[in-house]
């Protein structure tokens, strides 16, 4: 095995899953400028994560929508906009058909 390829600057860090309100203490080389008071009363550097074993459906057995970046809201807005566009096109086609029918009646 190669020597000196693994980092040696491990430190105690808290990983926090904000969506589940879950924190765990471990050692890591990840750097952080924020700190948090852990259950033992001491302050540790904290790294926020989006998914952990407390929020992942594989571990929880239930499906939850974790929307930290507004993806679901953007999708719903996009879908609503498409529905509005579709109904506007249908209304426009109906008006054109009605206008065509009126012109045909006048010419007859």
C-alpha atoms as a PDB file:
ATOM      1  CA  UNK A   1       0.000   0.000   0.000  1.00  0.00           C
ATOM      2  CA  UNK A   2       1.246   3.504  -0.794  1.00  0.00           C
ATOM      3  CA  UNK A   3       2.464   5.598   2.109  1.00  0.00           C
ATOM      4  CA  UNK A   4       1.260   9.122   2.951  1.00  0.00           C
ATOM      5  CA  UNK A   5      -1.778   9.112   0.638  1.00  0.00           C
ATOM      6  CA  UNK A   6      -4.383   9.375   3.385  1.00  0.00           C
ATOM      7  CA  UNK A   7      -5.078  12.679   5.146  1.00  0.00           C
ATOM      8  CA  UNK A   8      -3.789  13.027   8.676  1.00  0.00           C
ATOM      9  CA  UNK A   9      -5.697  16.133   9.772  1.00  0.00           C
ATOM     10  CA  UNK A  10      -8.866  14.449  11.087  1.00  0.00           C
ATOM     11  CA  UNK A  11     -10.878  16.434  13.624  1.00  0.00           C
ATOM     12  CA  UNK A  12     -14.151  15.949  15.470  1.00  0.00           C
ATOM     13  CA  UNK A  13     -17.063  17.371  13.452  1.00  0.00           C
ATOM     14  CA  UNK A  14     -20.861  17.370  13.796  1.00  0.00           C
ATOM     15  CA  UNK A  15     -22.878  16.502  10.688  1.00  0.00           C
ATOM     16  CA  UNK A  16     -26.372  18.022  10.840  1.00  0.00           C
ATOM     17  CA  UNK A  17     -29.375  16.938   8.761  1.00  0.00           C
ATOM     18  CA  UNK A  18     -31.612  20.009   8.894  1.00  0.00           C
ATOM     19  CA  UNK A  19     -34.593  18.312   7.254  1.00  0.00           C
ATOM     20  CA  UNK A  20     -34.791  15.671  10.004  1.00  0.00           C
ATOM     21  CA  UNK A  21     -33.341  17.648  12.905  1.00  0.00           C
ATOM     22  CA  UNK A  22     -30.681  14.961  13.355  1.00  0.00           C
ATOM     23  CA  UNK A  23     -27.017  15.411  14.289  1.00  0.00           C
ATOM     24  CA  UNK A  24     -24.173  12.983  14.703  1.00  0.00           C
ATOM     25  CA  UNK A  25     -20.611  13.402  15.883  1.00  0.00           C
ATOM     26  CA  UNK A  26     -17.739  11.856  13.956  1.00  0.00           C
ATOM     27  CA  UNK A  27     -14.226  12.538  12.741  1.00  0.00           C
ATOM     28  CA  UNK A  28     -13.684  14.148   9.355  1.00  0.00           C
ATOM     29  CA  UNK A  29     -11.246  16.186   7.300  1.00  0.00           C
ATOM     30  CA  UNK A  30     -14.072  18.434   6.038  1.00  0.00           C
ATOM     31  CA  UNK A  31     -13.604  22.081   6.993  1.00  0.00           C
ATOM     32  CA  UNK A  32     -16.305  24.345   8.389  1.00  0.00           C
ATOM     33  CA  UNK A  33     -16.458  27.892   9.749  1.00  0.00           C
ATOM     34  CA  UNK A  34     -19.764  27.357  11.594  1.00  0.00           C
ATOM     35  CA  UNK A  35     -20.047  25.759  15.013  1.00  0.00           C
ATOM     36  CA  UNK A  36     -22.890  24.160  16.949  1.00  0.00           C
ATOM     37  CA  UNK A  37     -23.371  23.078  20.537  1.00  0.00           C
ATOM     38  CA  UNK A  38     -23.720  19.295  20.568  1.00  0.00           C
ATOM     39  CA  UNK A  39     -25.616  17.116  23.089  1.00  0.00           C
ATOM     40  CA  UNK A  40     -22.558  16.837  25.342  1.00  0.00           C
ATOM     41  CA  UNK A  41     -22.514  20.633  25.796  1.00  0.00           C
ATOM     42  CA  UNK A  42     -19.332  21.257  23.800  1.00  0.00           C
ATOM     43  CA  UNK A  43     -19.089  23.297  20.604  1.00  0.00           C
ATOM     44  CA  UNK A  44     -17.930  21.565  17.431  1.00  0.00           C
ATOM     45  CA  UNK A  45     -17.581  22.582  13.786  1.00  0.00           C
ATOM     46  CA  UNK A  46     -20.805  21.704  11.944  1.00  0.00           C
ATOM     47  CA  UNK A  47     -21.368  20.550   8.370  1.00  0.00           C
ATOM     48  CA  UNK A  48     -24.933  20.676   7.052  1.00  0.00           C
ATOM     49  CA  UNK A  49     -26.065  17.774   4.899  1.00  0.00           C
ATOM     50  CA  UNK A  50     -29.295  17.300   2.966  1.00  0.00           C
ATOM     51  CA  UNK A  51     -29.894  13.598   3.561  1.00  0.00           C
ATOM     52  CA  UNK A  52     -28.831  11.258   6.331  1.00  0.00           C
ATOM     53  CA  UNK A  53     -30.022   7.928   7.698  1.00  0.00           C
ATOM     54  CA  UNK A  54     -32.708   9.865   9.607  1.00  0.00           C
ATOM     55  CA  UNK A  55     -34.284  11.270   6.440  1.00  0.00           C
ATOM     56  CA  UNK A  56     -33.430   8.774   3.669  1.00  0.00           C
ATOM     57  CA  UNK A  57     -36.438   6.614   2.631  1.00  0.00           C
ATOM     58  CA  UNK A  58     -34.326   3.440   2.589  1.00  0.00           C
ATOM     59  CA  UNK A  59     -33.626   3.750   6.317  1.00  0.00           C
ATOM     60  CA  UNK A  60     -36.915   5.315   7.430  1.00  0.00           C
ATOM     61  CA  UNK A  61     -39.219   3.043   5.418  1.00  0.00           C
ATOM     62  CA  UNK A  62     -41.379   5.991   4.422  1.00  0.00           C
ATOM     63  CA  UNK A  63     -41.280   8.343   1.496  1.00  0.00           C
ATOM     64  CA  UNK A  64     -40.853  12.017   2.261  1.00  0.00           C
ATOM     65  CA  UNK A  65     -40.398  14.882  -0.127  1.00  0.00           C
ATOM     66  CA  UNK A  66     -37.305  16.772   0.933  1.00  0.00           C
ATOM     67  CA  UNK A  67     -37.303  20.003  -0.976  1.00  0.00           C
ATOM     68  CA  UNK A  68     -34.391  22.125   0.105  1.00  0.00           C
ATOM     69  CA  UNK A  69     -33.973  23.973  -3.156  1.00  0.00           C
ATOM     70  CA  UNK A  70     -37.616  24.581  -4.161  1.00  0.00           C
ATOM     71  CA  UNK A  71     -37.661  21.949  -6.908  1.00  0.00           C
ATOM     72  CA  UNK A  72     -41.194  20.802  -6.150  1.00  0.00           C
ATOM     73  CA  UNK A  73     -42.520  24.363  -6.115  1.00  0.00           C
ATOM     74  CA  UNK A  74     -40.786  25.138  -9.409  1.00  0.00           C
ATOM     75  CA  UNK A  75     -42.264  21.993 -10.966  1.00  0.00           C
ATOM     76  CA  UNK A  76     -45.779  22.856  -9.749  1.00  0.00           C
ATOM     77  CA  UNK A  77     -45.445  26.418 -11.080  1.00  0.00           C
ATOM     78  CA  UNK A  78     -44.170  25.132 -14.431  1.00  0.00           C
ATOM     79  CA  UNK A  79     -47.054  22.641 -14.658  1.00  0.00           C
ATOM     80  CA  UNK A  80     -49.635  25.336 -13.763  1.00  0.00           C
ATOM     81  CA  UNK A  81     -48.162  27.659 -16.396  1.00  0.00           C
ATOM     82  CA  UNK A  82     -48.411  24.890 -19.022  1.00  0.00           C
ATOM     83  CA  UNK A  83     -52.074  24.315 -18.085  1.00  0.00           C
ATOM     84  CA  UNK A  84     -52.799  28.052 -18.438  1.00  0.00           C
ATOM     85  CA  UNK A  85     -51.080  28.128 -21.833  1.00  0.00           C
ATOM     86  CA  UNK A  86     -53.081  25.084 -22.944  1.00  0.00           C
ATOM     87  CA  UNK A  87     -56.417  26.606 -21.896  1.00  0.00           C
ATOM     88  CA  UNK A  88     -55.485  29.901 -23.588  1.00  0.00           C
ATOM     89  CA  UNK A  89     -54.781  28.061 -26.849  1.00  0.00           C
ATOM     90  CA  UNK A  90     -58.090  26.186 -26.575  1.00  0.00           C
ATOM     91  CA  UNK A  91     -59.965  29.464 -26.033  1.00  0.00           C
ATOM     92  CA  UNK A  92     -58.154  31.076 -28.969  1.00  0.00           C
ATOM     93  CA  UNK A  93     -59.080  28.136 -31.222  1.00  0.00           C
ATOM     94  CA  UNK A  94     -62.733  28.384 -30.129  1.00  0.00           C
ATOM     95  CA  UNK A  95     -62.808  32.114 -30.918  1.00  0.00           C
ATOM     96  CA  UNK A  96     -61.254  31.539 -34.331  1.00  0.00           C
ATOM     97  CA  UNK A  97     -63.792  28.800 -35.060  1.00  0.00           C
ATOM     98  CA  UNK A  98     -66.640  31.115 -33.991  1.00  0.00           C
ATOM     99  CA  UNK A  99     -65.307  33.953 -36.176  1.00  0.00           C
ATOM    100  CA  UNK A 100     -64.955  31.589 -39.126  1.00  0.00           C
ATOM    101  CA  UNK A 101     -68.520  30.366 -38.598  1.00  0.00           C
ATOM    102  CA  UNK A 102     -69.843  33.972 -38.536  1.00  0.00           C
ATOM    103  CA  UNK A 103     -68.008  34.818 -41.751  1.00  0.00           C
ATOM    104  CA  UNK A 104     -69.434  31.714 -43.409  1.00  0.00           C
ATOM    105  CA  UNK A 105     -72.974  32.706 -42.326  1.00  0.00           C
ATOM    106  CA  UNK A 106     -72.572  36.221 -43.760  1.00  0.00           C
ATOM    107  CA  UNK A 107     -71.321  34.929 -47.107  1.00  0.00           C
ATOM    108  CA  UNK A 108     -74.168  32.436 -47.456  1.00  0.00           C
END
